[in-house]
Structures are given as structure tokens and as C-alpha cells.
Amino acid sequence: MKPNDLATSMLESRYYFHELIKEPLGKVLGGDRFELIEEIDHDIARQLDRTAGIDAWLHHHAGLIGLALRIQYDTFYETFTIRCHRESGAKTEYEKRLDAFHWGALAPTLTVQAYVGRKQNKLIGGAVARTEDLLECIKQGKYRMQSTGDDQIGRASFYVVNWSDVASLESTEGRPWCPTFGLENPE
């Protein structure tokens, strides 16, 4: 992705988050005050983004909750995706999350995947998972692999995890938990 493409993509994701995703996501999570990390001009915010993988946080009655956000356009798959390989060899989101949970470092507590229809300017649907549950699904082999096309610069591969697999995780801690939002008319 060229720098101009990256800047455009970031502006687009900000727009859709504020206009279409924030309100229904807040209803599901029990809070309505979100802050996008990329909108904060401070070194700590840059570190939260680049090192910890936190794209936003929610001011919640329980405290600040870090979020990883992924928005996909003009599709709807009912899946979470997390990058697991980069052609460049740079550390991926998956590797960063594994390291963070292993060492008790800062990481997004929740992962949000949303699908937006650009032409309709509409939220198609989304879901939220505990990031550790998403990693557990991958550990258990509940994923499929997907790669970017040959025509893309900086090819990458992703773990693709079905929302239903996250929701059906067996646990003794009162789980599963994978709420969805914005699914009134998924077509």
C-alpha cells in the first residue's frame, strides 16, 4: 500500500467508525465514549498503536478497555481476521498479540471486526471478541488461511476465524462471549 493509499484508508476507517460503527458498538459494550488512537497526537498514543496494537479505547464503567479494530468493505463474512505473515518479514498483529499475552504486556482486550457497505453508507454487521479467545481459537485450529492477491504490494496472510467458533469456545470462566451488532438487514 502506497503512503497516499494508507492515509486515505485511515481517513476512511475513521469516518466509518464515527458515522456507522461507534453507536451500535457502544450499545453492545455498554459505553459510548470511544477514542481512536490515530486521532491523538502524542507519543504514548503512537506507542499504543504501533507496539501494543491498540487502535482505540472505550471509556467504560469498569475502566479503559483497549480495542483492536478491523473494518472490511463491501463484503460480509461473519469472521475475524488477524494478520499472521507479512512478505516483508515484519512482525504481525498475531505475533505481537502472542508476545503481549505471554509477557503480560499491553494489548487490545477486545477485537472488533466490522463490515461496511460503501455504496449504501451502511454498517452491514460486526462482532466483538475477547482477543485472548480469538487467539485460543487459532491455537485450537479453528481457522482457515487467506492471503492477499498477487497484485497487492506487500503480500500478507491472515488467520480467518468464524464468529460462531469464538462464540462456541468451551470455558469454565462464564464464556463464550462474541456479541454481534448492526445485523438488522445483513443483505
N, C-alpha and C. Protein backbone atom coordinates (compact mmCIF):
# COMPACT_ATOMS: atom_id res chain seq x y z
N MET A 1 0.84 -1.17 0.00
CA MET A 1 0.00 0.00 0.00
C MET A 1 0.89 1.24 0.00
N LYS A 2 0.64 2.15 -0.93
CA LYS A 2 1.41 3.38 -1.01
C LYS A 2 1.01 4.32 0.13
N PRO A 3 1.91 5.25 0.53
CA PRO A 3 1.59 6.17 1.62
C PRO A 3 0.28 6.92 1.43
N ASN A 4 -0.02 7.40 0.21
CA ASN A 4 -1.28 8.09 -0.01
C ASN A 4 -2.47 7.16 0.18
N ASP A 5 -2.32 5.91 -0.26
CA ASP A 5 -3.37 4.93 -0.06
C ASP A 5 -3.59 4.68 1.44
N LEU A 6 -2.50 4.61 2.19
CA LEU A 6 -2.60 4.40 3.63
C LEU A 6 -3.31 5.56 4.29
N ALA A 7 -2.97 6.79 3.94
CA ALA A 7 -3.62 7.96 4.52
C ALA A 7 -5.11 7.97 4.19
N THR A 8 -5.45 7.66 2.94
CA THR A 8 -6.85 7.61 2.54
C THR A 8 -7.59 6.52 3.30
N SER A 9 -6.97 5.36 3.43
CA SER A 9 -7.57 4.25 4.15
C SER A 9 -7.83 4.60 5.61
N MET A 10 -6.87 5.29 6.24
CA MET A 10 -7.04 5.68 7.64
C MET A 10 -8.19 6.68 7.79
N LEU A 11 -8.29 7.64 6.88
CA LEU A 11 -9.39 8.61 6.93
C LEU A 11 -10.73 7.92 6.73
N GLU A 12 -10.76 6.98 5.80
CA GLU A 12 -11.99 6.24 5.51
C GLU A 12 -12.42 5.42 6.74
N SER A 13 -11.48 4.74 7.36
CA SER A 13 -11.84 3.93 8.53
C SER A 13 -12.31 4.81 9.68
N ARG A 14 -11.70 5.97 9.87
CA ARG A 14 -12.16 6.92 10.90
C ARG A 14 -13.59 7.35 10.64
N TYR A 15 -13.86 7.73 9.39
CA TYR A 15 -15.20 8.17 9.02
C TYR A 15 -16.23 7.10 9.36
N TYR A 16 -16.00 5.88 8.87
CA TYR A 16 -16.97 4.82 9.08
C TYR A 16 -17.10 4.46 10.56
N PHE A 17 -16.00 4.50 11.30
CA PHE A 17 -16.10 4.21 12.72
C PHE A 17 -17.02 5.22 13.40
N HIS A 18 -16.79 6.49 13.17
CA HIS A 18 -17.60 7.53 13.83
C HIS A 18 -19.04 7.55 13.35
N GLU A 19 -19.23 7.37 12.04
CA GLU A 19 -20.57 7.52 11.47
C GLU A 19 -21.44 6.27 11.58
N LEU A 20 -20.85 5.08 11.51
CA LEU A 20 -21.66 3.86 11.41
C LEU A 20 -21.41 2.83 12.51
N ILE A 21 -20.21 2.77 13.05
CA ILE A 21 -19.85 1.67 13.94
C ILE A 21 -19.95 2.03 15.42
N LYS A 22 -19.54 3.21 15.77
CA LYS A 22 -19.40 3.61 17.17
C LYS A 22 -20.68 3.43 17.99
N GLU A 23 -21.80 3.90 17.47
CA GLU A 23 -23.04 3.84 18.24
C GLU A 23 -23.50 2.40 18.51
N PRO A 24 -23.64 1.54 17.49
CA PRO A 24 -24.07 0.17 17.80
C PRO A 24 -23.03 -0.61 18.61
N LEU A 25 -21.75 -0.34 18.39
CA LEU A 25 -20.71 -1.00 19.18
C LEU A 25 -20.82 -0.59 20.65
N GLY A 26 -21.05 0.69 20.88
CA GLY A 26 -21.22 1.18 22.25
C GLY A 26 -22.39 0.53 22.96
N LYS A 27 -23.47 0.29 22.24
CA LYS A 27 -24.64 -0.38 22.84
C LYS A 27 -24.29 -1.80 23.28
N VAL A 28 -23.51 -2.50 22.46
CA VAL A 28 -23.12 -3.87 22.78
C VAL A 28 -22.15 -3.91 23.96
N LEU A 29 -21.24 -2.93 24.01
CA LEU A 29 -20.20 -2.94 25.04
C LEU A 29 -20.58 -2.18 26.32
N GLY A 30 -21.68 -1.47 26.30
CA GLY A 30 -22.10 -0.76 27.49
C GLY A 30 -21.32 0.52 27.73
N GLY A 31 -21.01 1.23 26.69
CA GLY A 31 -20.31 2.50 26.78
C GLY A 31 -20.43 3.23 25.47
N ASP A 32 -20.24 4.54 25.50
CA ASP A 32 -20.39 5.28 24.25
C ASP A 32 -19.26 6.28 23.99
N ARG A 33 -18.27 6.30 24.84
CA ARG A 33 -17.17 7.24 24.62
C ARG A 33 -15.93 6.49 24.18
N PHE A 34 -15.66 6.57 22.89
CA PHE A 34 -14.51 5.92 22.28
C PHE A 34 -13.49 6.99 21.89
N GLU A 35 -12.23 6.61 21.90
CA GLU A 35 -11.19 7.48 21.36
C GLU A 35 -10.34 6.64 20.42
N LEU A 36 -10.21 7.11 19.17
CA LEU A 36 -9.35 6.44 18.20
C LEU A 36 -7.92 6.90 18.43
N ILE A 37 -7.02 5.97 18.55
CA ILE A 37 -5.62 6.26 18.84
C ILE A 37 -5.00 7.15 17.76
N GLU A 38 -5.33 6.88 16.49
CA GLU A 38 -4.71 7.66 15.42
C GLU A 38 -5.17 9.11 15.38
N GLU A 39 -6.17 9.46 16.18
CA GLU A 39 -6.62 10.85 16.25
C GLU A 39 -5.93 11.62 17.38
N ILE A 40 -5.07 10.96 18.13
CA ILE A 40 -4.38 11.58 19.25
C ILE A 40 -2.93 11.82 18.87
N ASP A 41 -2.50 13.06 18.90
CA ASP A 41 -1.13 13.41 18.54
C ASP A 41 -0.26 13.43 19.79
N HIS A 42 0.18 12.26 20.20
CA HIS A 42 1.03 12.13 21.39
C HIS A 42 1.85 10.86 21.25
N ASP A 43 3.06 10.88 21.75
CA ASP A 43 3.94 9.71 21.64
C ASP A 43 3.34 8.47 22.30
N ILE A 44 2.67 8.63 23.41
CA ILE A 44 2.06 7.47 24.08
C ILE A 44 1.02 6.83 23.16
N ALA A 45 0.23 7.65 22.49
CA ALA A 45 -0.78 7.12 21.56
C ALA A 45 -0.10 6.35 20.43
N ARG A 46 0.98 6.89 19.89
CA ARG A 46 1.70 6.18 18.82
C ARG A 46 2.24 4.83 19.32
N GLN A 47 2.72 4.79 20.54
CA GLN A 47 3.22 3.53 21.11
C GLN A 47 2.08 2.53 21.32
N LEU A 48 0.93 3.01 21.79
CA LEU A 48 -0.22 2.12 21.95
C LEU A 48 -0.60 1.49 20.61
N ASP A 49 -0.55 2.29 19.56
CA ASP A 49 -0.90 1.81 18.22
C ASP A 49 0.17 0.86 17.69
N ARG A 50 1.39 1.33 17.59
CA ARG A 50 2.46 0.57 16.92
C ARG A 50 2.97 -0.62 17.72
N THR A 51 3.09 -0.45 19.02
CA THR A 51 3.68 -1.51 19.84
C THR A 51 2.62 -2.43 20.44
N ALA A 52 1.57 -1.84 20.99
CA ALA A 52 0.56 -2.65 21.67
C ALA A 52 -0.58 -3.10 20.76
N GLY A 53 -0.71 -2.50 19.58
CA GLY A 53 -1.78 -2.89 18.66
C GLY A 53 -3.15 -2.41 19.08
N ILE A 54 -3.19 -1.38 19.91
CA ILE A 54 -4.47 -0.82 20.36
C ILE A 54 -4.85 0.30 19.40
N ASP A 55 -6.01 0.14 18.73
CA ASP A 55 -6.48 1.12 17.75
C ASP A 55 -7.41 2.15 18.37
N ALA A 56 -8.05 1.78 19.47
CA ALA A 56 -9.00 2.67 20.13
C ALA A 56 -9.15 2.21 21.57
N TRP A 57 -9.73 3.08 22.37
CA TRP A 57 -10.14 2.63 23.69
C TRP A 57 -11.52 3.12 23.99
N LEU A 58 -12.18 2.38 24.85
CA LEU A 58 -13.54 2.69 25.29
C LEU A 58 -13.47 3.11 26.75
N HIS A 59 -14.06 4.26 27.05
CA HIS A 59 -14.23 4.66 28.45
C HIS A 59 -15.45 3.90 28.95
N HIS A 60 -15.24 2.97 29.85
CA HIS A 60 -16.27 2.06 30.34
C HIS A 60 -16.35 2.21 31.85
N HIS A 61 -17.48 1.86 32.44
CA HIS A 61 -17.61 1.97 33.90
C HIS A 61 -16.57 1.13 34.63
N ALA A 62 -16.04 0.09 33.95
CA ALA A 62 -15.03 -0.77 34.56
C ALA A 62 -13.62 -0.21 34.39
N GLY A 63 -13.45 0.79 33.53
CA GLY A 63 -12.14 1.38 33.25
C GLY A 63 -11.95 1.52 31.75
N LEU A 64 -10.73 1.79 31.33
CA LEU A 64 -10.42 1.90 29.91
C LEU A 64 -10.23 0.51 29.31
N ILE A 65 -10.87 0.27 28.19
CA ILE A 65 -10.76 -1.02 27.50
C ILE A 65 -10.11 -0.78 26.14
N GLY A 66 -8.98 -1.43 25.89
CA GLY A 66 -8.28 -1.31 24.61
C GLY A 66 -8.93 -2.17 23.55
N LEU A 67 -9.05 -1.61 22.35
CA LEU A 67 -9.69 -2.31 21.23
C LEU A 67 -8.77 -2.41 20.02
N ALA A 68 -8.78 -3.54 19.37
CA ALA A 68 -8.22 -3.69 18.03
C ALA A 68 -9.41 -3.59 17.08
N LEU A 69 -9.29 -2.78 16.04
CA LEU A 69 -10.39 -2.57 15.10
C LEU A 69 -9.99 -3.05 13.71
N ARG A 70 -10.89 -3.75 13.07
CA ARG A 70 -10.68 -4.17 11.68
C ARG A 70 -11.98 -3.91 10.94
N ILE A 71 -11.90 -3.11 9.89
CA ILE A 71 -13.08 -2.79 9.08
C ILE A 71 -12.82 -3.31 7.67
N GLN A 72 -13.79 -4.07 7.16
CA GLN A 72 -13.72 -4.55 5.79
C GLN A 72 -14.90 -3.97 5.03
N TYR A 73 -14.71 -3.80 3.73
CA TYR A 73 -15.68 -3.08 2.92
C TYR A 73 -16.32 -3.95 1.86
N ASP A 74 -17.64 -3.72 1.70
CA ASP A 74 -18.42 -4.30 0.61
C ASP A 74 -18.41 -5.83 0.60
N THR A 75 -18.22 -6.43 1.76
CA THR A 75 -18.29 -7.88 1.93
C THR A 75 -18.95 -8.14 3.28
N PHE A 76 -19.29 -9.39 3.51
CA PHE A 76 -19.81 -9.78 4.83
C PHE A 76 -19.56 -11.27 5.01
N TYR A 77 -18.65 -11.60 5.92
CA TYR A 77 -18.26 -12.99 6.10
C TYR A 77 -18.52 -13.58 7.48
N GLU A 78 -18.90 -12.78 8.46
CA GLU A 78 -19.07 -13.25 9.85
C GLU A 78 -17.79 -13.91 10.35
N THR A 79 -16.67 -13.24 10.11
CA THR A 79 -15.37 -13.75 10.55
C THR A 79 -14.52 -12.62 11.13
N PHE A 80 -13.56 -13.01 11.95
CA PHE A 80 -12.48 -12.14 12.40
C PHE A 80 -11.27 -12.50 11.56
N THR A 81 -10.43 -11.50 11.27
CA THR A 81 -9.17 -11.77 10.59
C THR A 81 -8.03 -11.16 11.39
N ILE A 82 -6.92 -11.85 11.42
CA ILE A 82 -5.72 -11.33 12.08
C ILE A 82 -4.51 -11.72 11.23
N ARG A 83 -3.72 -10.72 10.87
CA ARG A 83 -2.56 -10.94 10.01
C ARG A 83 -1.55 -11.82 10.74
N CYS A 84 -1.07 -12.87 10.03
CA CYS A 84 -0.12 -13.80 10.65
C CYS A 84 1.20 -13.90 9.88
N HIS A 85 1.27 -13.30 8.68
CA HIS A 85 2.52 -13.33 7.90
C HIS A 85 2.57 -12.11 7.00
N ARG A 86 3.74 -11.49 6.95
CA ARG A 86 3.98 -10.39 6.03
C ARG A 86 5.14 -10.75 5.12
N GLU A 87 5.00 -10.44 3.86
CA GLU A 87 6.07 -10.69 2.90
C GLU A 87 7.36 -10.00 3.33
N SER A 88 7.25 -8.86 3.96
CA SER A 88 8.43 -8.09 4.39
C SER A 88 9.15 -8.74 5.56
N GLY A 89 8.47 -9.67 6.25
CA GLY A 89 9.05 -10.28 7.43
C GLY A 89 8.80 -9.49 8.70
N ALA A 90 8.15 -8.33 8.58
CA ALA A 90 7.84 -7.51 9.77
C ALA A 90 6.89 -8.29 10.69
N LYS A 91 7.01 -8.00 11.97
CA LYS A 91 6.19 -8.66 12.97
C LYS A 91 4.70 -8.38 12.70
N THR A 92 3.90 -9.41 12.81
CA THR A 92 2.46 -9.30 12.51
C THR A 92 1.66 -9.04 13.78
N GLU A 93 0.39 -8.69 13.56
CA GLU A 93 -0.52 -8.48 14.69
C GLU A 93 -0.62 -9.76 15.54
N TYR A 94 -0.68 -10.89 14.87
CA TYR A 94 -0.78 -12.15 15.60
C TYR A 94 0.44 -12.36 16.50
N GLU A 95 1.63 -12.15 15.95
CA GLU A 95 2.85 -12.33 16.74
C GLU A 95 2.91 -11.33 17.90
N LYS A 96 2.52 -10.10 17.65
CA LYS A 96 2.52 -9.09 18.71
C LYS A 96 1.55 -9.47 19.83
N ARG A 97 0.37 -9.98 19.45
CA ARG A 97 -0.62 -10.36 20.48
C ARG A 97 -0.11 -11.54 21.31
N LEU A 98 0.47 -12.54 20.65
CA LEU A 98 1.01 -13.69 21.38
C LEU A 98 2.07 -13.24 22.38
N ASP A 99 3.01 -12.40 21.93
CA ASP A 99 4.05 -11.90 22.83
C ASP A 99 3.46 -11.11 23.99
N ALA A 100 2.51 -10.24 23.68
CA ALA A 100 1.92 -9.40 24.73
C ALA A 100 1.23 -10.25 25.80
N PHE A 101 0.43 -11.23 25.36
CA PHE A 101 -0.27 -12.06 26.35
C PHE A 101 0.72 -12.93 27.12
N HIS A 102 1.76 -13.39 26.46
CA HIS A 102 2.76 -14.21 27.15
C HIS A 102 3.47 -13.41 28.25
N TRP A 103 3.84 -12.18 27.95
CA TRP A 103 4.61 -11.37 28.89
C TRP A 103 3.76 -10.45 29.76
N GLY A 104 2.44 -10.47 29.58
CA GLY A 104 1.58 -9.58 30.37
C GLY A 104 1.71 -8.13 29.95
N ALA A 105 2.05 -7.90 28.69
CA ALA A 105 2.21 -6.54 28.18
C ALA A 105 0.86 -5.98 27.72
N LEU A 106 0.83 -4.68 27.46
CA LEU A 106 -0.38 -4.06 26.95
C LEU A 106 -0.75 -4.65 25.60
N ALA A 107 -2.03 -4.91 25.44
CA ALA A 107 -2.58 -5.45 24.19
C ALA A 107 -4.06 -5.13 24.17
N PRO A 108 -4.69 -5.17 23.02
CA PRO A 108 -6.13 -4.93 22.99
C PRO A 108 -6.88 -6.04 23.74
N THR A 109 -7.70 -5.63 24.66
CA THR A 109 -8.52 -6.60 25.40
C THR A 109 -9.57 -7.21 24.48
N LEU A 110 -10.13 -6.38 23.60
CA LEU A 110 -11.18 -6.82 22.70
C LEU A 110 -10.76 -6.58 21.25
N THR A 111 -11.24 -7.46 20.38
CA THR A 111 -11.04 -7.29 18.94
C THR A 111 -12.41 -7.09 18.29
N VAL A 112 -12.52 -6.05 17.48
CA VAL A 112 -13.76 -5.70 16.79
C VAL A 112 -13.56 -5.90 15.30
N GLN A 113 -14.48 -6.61 14.67
CA GLN A 113 -14.47 -6.77 13.21
C GLN A 113 -15.79 -6.23 12.71
N ALA A 114 -15.73 -5.27 11.80
CA ALA A 114 -16.95 -4.67 11.25
C ALA A 114 -16.91 -4.73 9.73
N TYR A 115 -18.09 -4.84 9.15
CA TYR A 115 -18.24 -4.88 7.70
C TYR A 115 -19.15 -3.72 7.28
N VAL A 116 -18.67 -2.91 6.34
CA VAL A 116 -19.36 -1.70 5.91
C VAL A 116 -19.61 -1.75 4.41
N GLY A 117 -20.83 -1.37 4.01
CA GLY A 117 -21.15 -1.21 2.59
C GLY A 117 -20.90 0.24 2.20
N ARG A 118 -19.91 0.46 1.36
CA ARG A 118 -19.55 1.83 0.96
C ARG A 118 -20.67 2.50 0.16
N LYS A 119 -21.21 1.82 -0.83
CA LYS A 119 -22.23 2.44 -1.69
C LYS A 119 -23.47 2.83 -0.89
N GLN A 120 -23.86 1.97 0.04
CA GLN A 120 -25.05 2.23 0.84
C GLN A 120 -24.74 3.11 2.06
N ASN A 121 -23.43 3.36 2.31
CA ASN A 121 -23.01 4.07 3.52
C ASN A 121 -23.70 3.44 4.73
N LYS A 122 -23.50 2.12 4.87
CA LYS A 122 -24.25 1.34 5.84
C LYS A 122 -23.36 0.32 6.54
N LEU A 123 -23.58 0.17 7.84
CA LEU A 123 -22.96 -0.92 8.58
C LEU A 123 -23.70 -2.20 8.23
N ILE A 124 -22.98 -3.17 7.68
CA ILE A 124 -23.60 -4.46 7.35
C ILE A 124 -23.68 -5.31 8.60
N GLY A 125 -22.62 -5.33 9.40
CA GLY A 125 -22.62 -6.09 10.64
C GLY A 125 -21.24 -6.10 11.26
N GLY A 126 -21.18 -6.53 12.49
CA GLY A 126 -19.91 -6.61 13.18
C GLY A 126 -20.00 -7.52 14.39
N ALA A 127 -18.85 -7.81 14.97
CA ALA A 127 -18.80 -8.63 16.17
C ALA A 127 -17.60 -8.22 17.01
N VAL A 128 -17.67 -8.59 18.28
CA VAL A 128 -16.61 -8.30 19.24
C VAL A 128 -16.20 -9.61 19.89
N ALA A 129 -14.90 -9.80 20.06
CA ALA A 129 -14.39 -10.99 20.76
C ALA A 129 -13.32 -10.54 21.75
N ARG A 130 -13.21 -11.29 22.82
CA ARG A 130 -12.03 -11.11 23.67
C ARG A 130 -10.84 -11.55 22.82
N THR A 131 -9.82 -10.73 22.79
CA THR A 131 -8.66 -11.05 21.95
C THR A 131 -8.07 -12.39 22.35
N GLU A 132 -8.04 -12.69 23.64
CA GLU A 132 -7.48 -13.98 24.08
C GLU A 132 -8.34 -15.15 23.57
N ASP A 133 -9.64 -14.95 23.41
CA ASP A 133 -10.50 -16.01 22.85
C ASP A 133 -10.20 -16.22 21.37
N LEU A 134 -9.96 -15.14 20.67
CA LEU A 134 -9.59 -15.25 19.26
C LEU A 134 -8.28 -16.03 19.11
N LEU A 135 -7.31 -15.71 19.95
CA LEU A 135 -6.04 -16.45 19.93
C LEU A 135 -6.24 -17.92 20.31
N GLU A 136 -7.15 -18.19 21.23
CA GLU A 136 -7.43 -19.57 21.62
C GLU A 136 -8.03 -20.36 20.46
N CYS A 137 -8.91 -19.74 19.69
CA CYS A 137 -9.47 -20.42 18.51
C CYS A 137 -8.36 -20.81 17.54
N ILE A 138 -7.42 -19.90 17.33
CA ILE A 138 -6.31 -20.19 16.43
C ILE A 138 -5.47 -21.33 16.99
N LYS A 139 -5.20 -21.29 18.29
CA LYS A 139 -4.43 -22.36 18.95
C LYS A 139 -5.12 -23.72 18.77
N GLN A 140 -6.45 -23.73 18.84
CA GLN A 140 -7.21 -24.96 18.69
C GLN A 140 -7.40 -25.37 17.23
N GLY A 141 -6.88 -24.59 16.30
CA GLY A 141 -7.01 -24.93 14.88
C GLY A 141 -8.33 -24.54 14.27
N LYS A 142 -9.09 -23.67 14.93
CA LYS A 142 -10.39 -23.24 14.42
C LYS A 142 -10.21 -21.99 13.56
N TYR A 143 -9.60 -22.16 12.41
CA TYR A 143 -9.34 -21.06 11.49
C TYR A 143 -9.09 -21.63 10.10
N ARG A 144 -9.11 -20.74 9.14
CA ARG A 144 -8.62 -21.07 7.79
C ARG A 144 -7.66 -19.96 7.41
N MET A 145 -6.82 -20.21 6.45
CA MET A 145 -5.82 -19.23 5.99
C MET A 145 -6.34 -18.51 4.76
N GLN A 146 -5.99 -17.24 4.67
CA GLN A 146 -6.31 -16.45 3.48
C GLN A 146 -5.13 -15.51 3.21
N SER A 147 -4.82 -15.32 1.96
CA SER A 147 -3.71 -14.44 1.58
C SER A 147 -4.22 -13.33 0.67
N THR A 148 -3.51 -12.22 0.70
CA THR A 148 -3.84 -11.13 -0.22
C THR A 148 -3.46 -11.57 -1.63
N GLY A 149 -4.01 -10.91 -2.61
CA GLY A 149 -3.77 -11.27 -4.01
C GLY A 149 -2.37 -10.94 -4.47
N ASP A 150 -1.96 -11.59 -5.55
CA ASP A 150 -0.63 -11.38 -6.13
C ASP A 150 -0.43 -9.94 -6.60
N ASP A 151 -1.54 -9.25 -6.88
CA ASP A 151 -1.44 -7.89 -7.40
C ASP A 151 -1.18 -6.85 -6.30
N GLN A 152 -1.27 -7.25 -5.05
CA GLN A 152 -1.07 -6.30 -3.96
C GLN A 152 0.40 -6.17 -3.60
N ILE A 153 0.78 -4.94 -3.28
CA ILE A 153 2.14 -4.68 -2.81
C ILE A 153 2.18 -5.05 -1.33
N GLY A 154 3.21 -5.78 -0.93
CA GLY A 154 3.32 -6.17 0.48
C GLY A 154 2.36 -7.28 0.85
N ARG A 155 2.44 -8.39 0.16
CA ARG A 155 1.53 -9.51 0.39
C ARG A 155 1.53 -9.95 1.85
N ALA A 156 0.40 -10.48 2.27
CA ALA A 156 0.26 -10.92 3.65
C ALA A 156 -0.71 -12.09 3.71
N SER A 157 -0.64 -12.83 4.82
CA SER A 157 -1.57 -13.93 5.08
C SER A 157 -2.28 -13.65 6.40
N PHE A 158 -3.50 -14.18 6.49
CA PHE A 158 -4.33 -13.94 7.65
C PHE A 158 -4.93 -15.24 8.18
N TYR A 159 -5.09 -15.31 9.49
CA TYR A 159 -5.96 -16.32 10.08
C TYR A 159 -7.37 -15.76 9.98
N VAL A 160 -8.30 -16.59 9.54
CA VAL A 160 -9.70 -16.22 9.43
C VAL A 160 -10.47 -17.12 10.40
N VAL A 161 -11.13 -16.50 11.38
CA VAL A 161 -11.82 -17.25 12.44
C VAL A 161 -13.30 -16.89 12.39
N ASN A 162 -14.15 -17.90 12.31
CA ASN A 162 -15.60 -17.67 12.28
C ASN A 162 -16.09 -17.15 13.63
N TRP A 163 -17.02 -16.19 13.55
CA TRP A 163 -17.63 -15.68 14.79
C TRP A 163 -18.22 -16.82 15.61
N SER A 164 -18.85 -17.78 14.92
CA SER A 164 -19.50 -18.88 15.63
C SER A 164 -18.49 -19.74 16.39
N ASP A 165 -17.27 -19.86 15.88
CA ASP A 165 -16.24 -20.63 16.59
C ASP A 165 -15.80 -19.92 17.87
N VAL A 166 -15.69 -18.59 17.82
CA VAL A 166 -15.36 -17.84 19.03
C VAL A 166 -16.49 -17.98 20.04
N ALA A 167 -17.73 -17.85 19.58
CA ALA A 167 -18.89 -17.91 20.47
C ALA A 167 -19.06 -19.28 21.11
N SER A 168 -18.55 -20.33 20.46
CA SER A 168 -18.76 -21.69 20.98
C SER A 168 -17.56 -22.22 21.77
N LEU A 169 -16.57 -21.38 22.03
CA LEU A 169 -15.42 -21.85 22.83
C LEU A 169 -15.90 -22.41 24.16
N GLU A 170 -15.34 -23.53 24.54
CA GLU A 170 -15.67 -24.10 25.85
C GLU A 170 -14.75 -23.50 26.89
N SER A 171 -15.34 -23.06 27.99
CA SER A 171 -14.54 -22.44 29.04
C SER A 171 -15.25 -22.58 30.37
N THR A 172 -14.48 -22.52 31.41
CA THR A 172 -15.06 -22.57 32.75
C THR A 172 -15.23 -21.17 33.34
N GLU A 173 -14.89 -20.15 32.55
CA GLU A 173 -14.93 -18.78 33.06
C GLU A 173 -16.17 -18.01 32.63
N GLY A 174 -17.28 -18.68 32.42
CA GLY A 174 -18.50 -17.99 32.03
C GLY A 174 -18.54 -17.57 30.57
N ARG A 175 -17.68 -18.11 29.78
CA ARG A 175 -17.69 -17.81 28.36
C ARG A 175 -18.54 -18.85 27.65
N PRO A 176 -18.87 -18.80 26.47
CA PRO A 176 -18.36 -17.96 25.40
C PRO A 176 -19.01 -16.57 25.39
N TRP A 177 -18.38 -15.68 24.65
CA TRP A 177 -18.85 -14.31 24.52
C TRP A 177 -18.39 -13.76 23.19
N CYS A 178 -19.30 -13.47 22.31
CA CYS A 178 -18.96 -12.91 20.99
C CYS A 178 -20.19 -12.18 20.47
N PRO A 179 -20.53 -11.03 21.08
CA PRO A 179 -21.73 -10.32 20.64
C PRO A 179 -21.58 -9.72 19.25
N THR A 180 -22.69 -9.65 18.55
CA THR A 180 -22.72 -9.05 17.22
C THR A 180 -23.47 -7.73 17.31
N PHE A 181 -23.31 -6.91 16.27
CA PHE A 181 -24.03 -5.63 16.21
C PHE A 181 -24.30 -5.26 14.77
N GLY A 182 -25.37 -4.47 14.58
CA GLY A 182 -25.69 -3.95 13.24
C GLY A 182 -26.17 -4.97 12.25
N LEU A 183 -26.78 -6.05 12.69
CA LEU A 183 -27.17 -7.13 11.77
C LEU A 183 -28.65 -7.14 11.41
N GLU A 184 -29.34 -6.00 11.54
CA GLU A 184 -30.78 -5.98 11.26
C GLU A 184 -31.10 -6.43 9.83
N ASN A 185 -30.34 -5.92 8.85
CA ASN A 185 -30.51 -6.28 7.45
C ASN A 185 -29.17 -6.56 6.81
N PRO A 186 -28.60 -7.76 7.02
CA PRO A 186 -27.26 -8.03 6.51
C PRO A 186 -27.14 -8.07 4.99
N GLU A 187 -28.22 -8.14 4.25
CA GLU A 187 -28.09 -8.20 2.78
C GLU A 187 -27.64 -6.88 2.24
